[in-house]
Amino acid sequence: MPVFSTFAIYFIIWWLTLFIVLPLGLRTQAEENEVVPGSAESAPARFRALRVFAMTSVLAAIIHLAWYVVSVKLGYGLDSIPQFAPKFY
């Protein structure tokens, strides 16, 4: 598999994983009783970008490694899914 394709798949997995990791450990301004005027109460009190990006990268690497082993090394792909619908041709 070309390197660019592998990187592109990792990036897609990383981007989807980011939305899973973002709410983990989040403390809102309302929970901290420090609401900044003009912002929503549900806004994060302290956004820890480095922690979120590190957790996302590690989790995405694990998921990508699992995908790589199953699809490339073991040879399973979309063609491995049995087709139960009748073919009308």
N, C-alpha and C. Protein backbone atom coordinates (compact mmCIF):
# COMPACT_ATOMS: atom_id res chain seq x y z
N MET A 1 0.85 -1.17 0.00
CA MET A 1 0.00 0.00 0.00
C MET A 1 0.90 1.24 0.00
N PRO A 2 0.60 2.22 -0.84
CA PRO A 2 1.43 3.42 -0.89
C PRO A 2 1.41 4.19 0.44
N VAL A 3 2.49 4.88 0.70
CA VAL A 3 2.65 5.61 1.96
C VAL A 3 1.60 6.70 2.09
N PHE A 4 1.30 7.40 0.99
CA PHE A 4 0.32 8.47 1.06
C PHE A 4 -1.06 7.94 1.43
N SER A 5 -1.44 6.80 0.90
CA SER A 5 -2.75 6.21 1.23
C SER A 5 -2.81 5.81 2.70
N THR A 6 -1.73 5.26 3.20
CA THR A 6 -1.68 4.89 4.62
C THR A 6 -1.81 6.13 5.50
N PHE A 7 -1.10 7.20 5.13
CA PHE A 7 -1.19 8.44 5.89
C PHE A 7 -2.58 9.04 5.82
N ALA A 8 -3.21 8.98 4.63
CA ALA A 8 -4.56 9.53 4.47
C ALA A 8 -5.56 8.77 5.35
N ILE A 9 -5.44 7.47 5.41
CA ILE A 9 -6.34 6.68 6.26
C ILE A 9 -6.09 6.99 7.73
N TYR A 10 -4.82 7.15 8.11
CA TYR A 10 -4.51 7.53 9.50
C TYR A 10 -5.11 8.89 9.83
N PHE A 11 -5.03 9.84 8.90
CA PHE A 11 -5.58 11.17 9.16
C PHE A 11 -7.10 11.11 9.33
N ILE A 12 -7.78 10.31 8.53
CA ILE A 12 -9.23 10.17 8.67
C ILE A 12 -9.56 9.55 10.03
N ILE A 13 -8.83 8.53 10.42
CA ILE A 13 -9.05 7.90 11.74
C ILE A 13 -8.74 8.90 12.84
N TRP A 14 -7.67 9.69 12.69
CA TRP A 14 -7.30 10.68 13.70
C TRP A 14 -8.39 11.73 13.85
N TRP A 15 -8.92 12.20 12.73
CA TRP A 15 -9.95 13.24 12.77
C TRP A 15 -11.23 12.72 13.45
N LEU A 16 -11.64 11.49 13.15
CA LEU A 16 -12.82 10.93 13.79
C LEU A 16 -12.57 10.67 15.28
N THR A 17 -11.36 10.25 15.61
CA THR A 17 -11.02 10.00 17.01
C THR A 17 -10.98 11.29 17.82
N LEU A 18 -10.63 12.39 17.17
CA LEU A 18 -10.60 13.69 17.87
C LEU A 18 -11.96 14.01 18.47
N PHE A 19 -13.03 13.74 17.74
CA PHE A 19 -14.36 14.04 18.25
C PHE A 19 -14.79 13.09 19.37
N ILE A 20 -14.14 11.95 19.47
CA ILE A 20 -14.39 11.04 20.59
C ILE A 20 -13.65 11.53 21.83
N VAL A 21 -12.45 12.04 21.65
CA VAL A 21 -11.58 12.42 22.76
C VAL A 21 -11.92 13.81 23.31
N LEU A 22 -12.44 14.71 22.49
CA LEU A 22 -12.67 16.09 22.93
C LEU A 22 -13.47 16.21 24.23
N PRO A 23 -14.57 15.50 24.43
CA PRO A 23 -15.32 15.70 25.67
C PRO A 23 -14.75 14.99 26.90
N LEU A 24 -13.73 14.14 26.73
CA LEU A 24 -13.19 13.39 27.86
C LEU A 24 -12.46 14.32 28.83
N GLY A 25 -12.86 14.32 30.07
CA GLY A 25 -12.20 15.12 31.10
C GLY A 25 -12.49 16.61 31.01
N LEU A 26 -13.51 16.98 30.27
CA LEU A 26 -13.84 18.39 30.07
C LEU A 26 -14.57 18.95 31.29
N ARG A 27 -14.10 20.07 31.76
CA ARG A 27 -14.80 20.80 32.83
C ARG A 27 -15.30 22.11 32.24
N THR A 28 -16.61 22.34 32.34
CA THR A 28 -17.18 23.55 31.75
C THR A 28 -17.00 24.73 32.69
N GLN A 29 -17.22 25.93 32.15
CA GLN A 29 -17.13 27.14 32.97
C GLN A 29 -18.20 27.15 34.06
N ALA A 30 -19.36 26.57 33.76
CA ALA A 30 -20.43 26.52 34.76
C ALA A 30 -20.04 25.60 35.92
N GLU A 31 -19.36 24.48 35.62
CA GLU A 31 -18.92 23.57 36.69
C GLU A 31 -17.83 24.19 37.55
N GLU A 32 -17.01 25.05 36.96
CA GLU A 32 -15.94 25.71 37.70
C GLU A 32 -16.39 27.01 38.36
N ASN A 33 -17.64 27.44 38.09
CA ASN A 33 -18.19 28.70 38.59
C ASN A 33 -17.33 29.90 38.20
N GLU A 34 -16.81 29.86 36.98
CA GLU A 34 -16.00 30.95 36.44
C GLU A 34 -16.45 31.28 35.03
N VAL A 35 -17.70 31.70 34.87
CA VAL A 35 -18.23 32.00 33.55
C VAL A 35 -17.71 33.35 33.09
N VAL A 36 -17.05 33.36 31.95
CA VAL A 36 -16.54 34.60 31.37
C VAL A 36 -17.70 35.32 30.68
N PRO A 37 -17.91 36.60 30.97
CA PRO A 37 -19.00 37.33 30.32
C PRO A 37 -18.86 37.28 28.80
N GLY A 38 -19.96 36.98 28.13
CA GLY A 38 -19.98 36.92 26.67
C GLY A 38 -19.71 35.54 26.12
N SER A 39 -19.47 34.55 26.98
CA SER A 39 -19.24 33.19 26.50
C SER A 39 -20.33 32.27 27.06
N ALA A 40 -20.45 31.13 26.43
CA ALA A 40 -21.47 30.17 26.86
C ALA A 40 -21.01 29.48 28.15
N GLU A 41 -21.97 29.11 28.97
CA GLU A 41 -21.64 28.40 30.22
C GLU A 41 -21.04 27.04 29.95
N SER A 42 -21.36 26.47 28.79
CA SER A 42 -20.85 25.15 28.46
C SER A 42 -19.46 25.18 27.82
N ALA A 43 -18.87 26.35 27.69
CA ALA A 43 -17.52 26.46 27.13
C ALA A 43 -16.52 25.86 28.12
N PRO A 44 -15.43 25.29 27.62
CA PRO A 44 -14.44 24.70 28.53
C PRO A 44 -13.79 25.77 29.40
N ALA A 45 -13.58 25.40 30.67
CA ALA A 45 -12.90 26.33 31.57
C ALA A 45 -11.43 26.44 31.20
N ARG A 46 -10.79 25.31 30.95
CA ARG A 46 -9.39 25.28 30.49
C ARG A 46 -9.30 24.22 29.39
N PHE A 47 -8.98 24.67 28.19
CA PHE A 47 -8.84 23.73 27.08
C PHE A 47 -7.40 23.25 27.06
N ARG A 48 -7.20 21.97 27.23
CA ARG A 48 -5.86 21.38 27.24
C ARG A 48 -5.60 20.75 25.87
N ALA A 49 -5.16 21.57 24.95
CA ALA A 49 -4.99 21.14 23.57
C ALA A 49 -3.91 20.06 23.45
N LEU A 50 -2.81 20.22 24.13
CA LEU A 50 -1.72 19.25 24.02
C LEU A 50 -2.16 17.87 24.52
N ARG A 51 -2.90 17.84 25.63
CA ARG A 51 -3.39 16.57 26.16
C ARG A 51 -4.39 15.93 25.21
N VAL A 52 -5.29 16.72 24.63
CA VAL A 52 -6.29 16.20 23.71
C VAL A 52 -5.63 15.66 22.45
N PHE A 53 -4.67 16.40 21.89
CA PHE A 53 -4.00 15.95 20.67
C PHE A 53 -3.13 14.73 20.92
N ALA A 54 -2.51 14.66 22.09
CA ALA A 54 -1.70 13.48 22.41
C ALA A 54 -2.58 12.24 22.57
N MET A 55 -3.69 12.38 23.30
CA MET A 55 -4.60 11.25 23.47
C MET A 55 -5.19 10.82 22.13
N THR A 56 -5.53 11.79 21.29
CA THR A 56 -6.08 11.48 19.97
C THR A 56 -5.06 10.73 19.12
N SER A 57 -3.83 11.18 19.15
CA SER A 57 -2.79 10.54 18.33
C SER A 57 -2.52 9.11 18.77
N VAL A 58 -2.47 8.89 20.08
CA VAL A 58 -2.22 7.53 20.58
C VAL A 58 -3.39 6.61 20.25
N LEU A 59 -4.61 7.06 20.51
CA LEU A 59 -5.78 6.23 20.22
C LEU A 59 -5.93 5.97 18.72
N ALA A 60 -5.68 6.99 17.90
CA ALA A 60 -5.76 6.81 16.45
C ALA A 60 -4.68 5.86 15.95
N ALA A 61 -3.50 5.90 16.56
CA ALA A 61 -2.43 4.98 16.16
C ALA A 61 -2.81 3.53 16.47
N ILE A 62 -3.44 3.31 17.61
CA ILE A 62 -3.88 1.96 17.98
C ILE A 62 -4.95 1.46 17.00
N ILE A 63 -5.92 2.33 16.70
CA ILE A 63 -6.99 1.95 15.77
C ILE A 63 -6.41 1.71 14.37
N HIS A 64 -5.48 2.56 13.96
CA HIS A 64 -4.86 2.42 12.64
C HIS A 64 -4.05 1.13 12.56
N LEU A 65 -3.35 0.80 13.62
CA LEU A 65 -2.58 -0.44 13.64
C LEU A 65 -3.51 -1.65 13.53
N ALA A 66 -4.64 -1.62 14.24
CA ALA A 66 -5.61 -2.71 14.15
C ALA A 66 -6.16 -2.82 12.73
N TRP A 67 -6.49 -1.67 12.12
CA TRP A 67 -6.98 -1.68 10.74
C TRP A 67 -5.92 -2.24 9.79
N TYR A 68 -4.69 -1.83 9.98
CA TYR A 68 -3.61 -2.29 9.10
C TYR A 68 -3.42 -3.80 9.19
N VAL A 69 -3.43 -4.32 10.41
CA VAL A 69 -3.25 -5.76 10.59
C VAL A 69 -4.38 -6.54 9.96
N VAL A 70 -5.61 -6.10 10.18
CA VAL A 70 -6.77 -6.83 9.65
C VAL A 70 -6.85 -6.73 8.13
N SER A 71 -6.64 -5.54 7.59
CA SER A 71 -6.85 -5.38 6.15
C SER A 71 -5.64 -5.76 5.31
N VAL A 72 -4.45 -5.37 5.73
CA VAL A 72 -3.27 -5.60 4.89
C VAL A 72 -2.63 -6.95 5.20
N LYS A 73 -2.37 -7.21 6.46
CA LYS A 73 -1.66 -8.43 6.82
C LYS A 73 -2.54 -9.68 6.73
N LEU A 74 -3.79 -9.59 7.20
CA LEU A 74 -4.68 -10.74 7.17
C LEU A 74 -5.48 -10.83 5.87
N GLY A 75 -5.58 -9.74 5.14
CA GLY A 75 -6.24 -9.76 3.84
C GLY A 75 -7.74 -9.59 3.85
N TYR A 76 -8.31 -9.18 4.97
CA TYR A 76 -9.76 -8.96 5.01
C TYR A 76 -10.06 -7.56 4.51
N GLY A 77 -11.14 -7.44 3.75
CA GLY A 77 -11.55 -6.15 3.22
C GLY A 77 -13.03 -6.16 2.95
N LEU A 78 -13.47 -5.21 2.14
CA LEU A 78 -14.90 -5.14 1.82
C LEU A 78 -15.36 -6.34 1.00
N ASP A 79 -14.45 -6.95 0.27
CA ASP A 79 -14.82 -8.13 -0.51
C ASP A 79 -15.04 -9.36 0.37
N SER A 80 -14.61 -9.30 1.62
CA SER A 80 -14.76 -10.44 2.53
C SER A 80 -16.14 -10.50 3.15
N ILE A 81 -16.93 -9.44 3.02
CA ILE A 81 -18.27 -9.40 3.60
C ILE A 81 -19.20 -10.22 2.69
N PRO A 82 -19.90 -11.20 3.26
CA PRO A 82 -20.80 -12.00 2.42
C PRO A 82 -21.97 -11.18 1.92
N GLN A 83 -22.39 -11.49 0.74
CA GLN A 83 -23.50 -10.76 0.12
C GLN A 83 -24.75 -11.62 0.24
N PHE A 84 -25.72 -11.13 0.99
CA PHE A 84 -26.95 -11.88 1.21
C PHE A 84 -28.06 -11.47 0.24
N ALA A 85 -27.92 -10.30 -0.35
CA ALA A 85 -28.96 -9.82 -1.26
C ALA A 85 -28.84 -10.55 -2.60
N PRO A 86 -29.95 -10.85 -3.22
CA PRO A 86 -29.87 -11.50 -4.53
C PRO A 86 -29.34 -10.52 -5.58
N LYS A 87 -28.68 -11.08 -6.58
CA LYS A 87 -28.14 -10.26 -7.65
C LYS A 87 -29.17 -10.22 -8.78
N PHE A 88 -29.55 -9.03 -9.18
CA PHE A 88 -30.57 -8.86 -10.22
C PHE A 88 -29.92 -8.41 -11.52
N TYR A 89 -29.19 -9.29 -12.14
CA TYR A 89 -28.61 -8.97 -13.45
C TYR A 89 -28.66 -10.15 -14.36
